[in-house]
Amino acid sequence: MKIAVGTDGSYLEPDDGPRNTKYHMKIIRVERIPNTRSGNNVALECGHGVQTFGDLTHAGGVLFCTKCRDLAEESN
């Protein structure tokens, strides 16, 4: 379920289980977003980058890549 957060196409999408789909990618690099309490720019093994907010410890080293999922849906 996508939750719109602006008029520029940005959205949030909760990552509910299972967390072992083909779109769950390993976290390669994490950089803090300046001037935020818990914001991170995260690089994934697929080459895409995402922004996260909150504690990453519950992620278990993987995040769901909506860009990979969206690209796969477009090609079908």
Protein backbone atom coordinates (compact mmCIF):
# COMPACT_ATOMS: atom_id res chain seq x y z
CA MET A 1 0.00 0.00 0.00
CA LYS A 2 1.48 3.34 -1.06
CA ILE A 3 0.94 6.39 1.15
CA ALA A 4 1.41 9.68 -0.75
CA VAL A 5 3.55 12.24 1.10
CA GLY A 6 3.56 15.11 -1.38
CA THR A 7 2.63 16.34 -4.80
CA ASP A 8 5.93 15.30 -6.42
CA GLY A 9 5.16 11.58 -6.50
CA SER A 10 6.91 10.76 -3.20
CA TYR A 11 5.33 8.06 -1.09
CA LEU A 12 5.85 5.80 1.90
CA GLU A 13 5.29 2.09 1.73
CA PRO A 14 5.30 -0.10 4.86
CA ASP A 15 7.48 -3.21 4.66
CA ASP A 16 5.31 -5.95 6.10
CA GLY A 17 6.45 -9.57 6.00
CA PRO A 18 7.61 -11.78 4.54
CA ARG A 19 11.01 -10.12 4.26
CA ASN A 20 12.61 -12.61 1.86
CA THR A 21 11.11 -11.64 -1.50
CA LYS A 22 13.19 -11.13 -4.64
CA TYR A 23 12.86 -7.37 -4.07
CA HIS A 24 14.43 -7.40 -0.60
CA MET A 25 17.99 -6.23 -1.16
CA LYS A 26 21.01 -6.21 1.12
CA ILE A 27 22.06 -2.87 2.56
CA ILE A 28 25.49 -1.93 1.20
CA ARG A 29 26.04 1.55 2.64
CA VAL A 30 24.25 3.86 5.09
CA GLU A 31 24.85 7.61 5.34
CA ARG A 32 23.02 9.86 7.78
CA ILE A 33 20.90 12.66 6.31
CA PRO A 34 22.16 15.93 7.84
CA ASN A 35 19.79 17.84 10.10
CA THR A 36 17.45 14.90 10.68
CA ARG A 37 17.01 12.83 13.81
CA SER A 38 16.82 9.44 12.15
CA GLY A 39 17.12 9.93 8.39
CA ASN A 40 19.44 7.79 6.29
CA ASN A 41 20.42 7.54 2.64
CA VAL A 42 20.83 3.83 2.00
CA ALA A 43 22.56 2.13 -0.95
CA LEU A 44 21.22 -1.30 -1.86
CA GLU A 45 22.92 -4.24 -3.60
CA CYS A 46 20.75 -3.68 -6.69
CA GLY A 47 22.32 -0.25 -7.19
CA HIS A 48 19.28 1.77 -6.15
CA GLY A 49 19.26 4.21 -3.28
CA VAL A 50 16.47 4.83 -0.81
CA GLN A 51 15.80 7.17 2.07
CA THR A 52 14.74 5.71 5.39
CA PHE A 53 13.61 7.28 8.64
CA GLY A 54 13.78 5.45 11.92
CA ASP A 55 15.90 2.74 13.47
CA LEU A 56 17.46 0.41 10.89
CA THR A 57 18.20 -2.39 13.37
CA HIS A 58 14.80 -4.01 12.76
CA ALA A 59 15.58 -4.20 9.02
CA GLY A 60 18.00 -7.04 9.62
CA GLY A 61 20.34 -5.84 6.88
CA VAL A 62 17.75 -5.87 4.07
CA LEU A 63 15.26 -3.39 2.66
CA PHE A 64 12.48 -3.71 0.12
CA CYS A 65 13.39 -1.96 -3.15
CA THR A 66 10.25 -0.42 -4.59
CA LYS A 67 12.20 0.73 -7.66
CA CYS A 68 13.07 -2.87 -8.62
CA ARG A 69 9.48 -3.96 -7.99
CA ASP A 70 8.05 -1.06 -10.02
CA LEU A 71 10.42 -1.73 -12.94
CA ALA A 72 9.39 -5.39 -12.96
CA GLU A 73 5.70 -4.44 -12.99
CA GLU A 74 6.24 -2.01 -15.88
CA SER A 75 7.93 -4.68 -18.00
CA ASN A 76 4.97 -7.07 -17.64
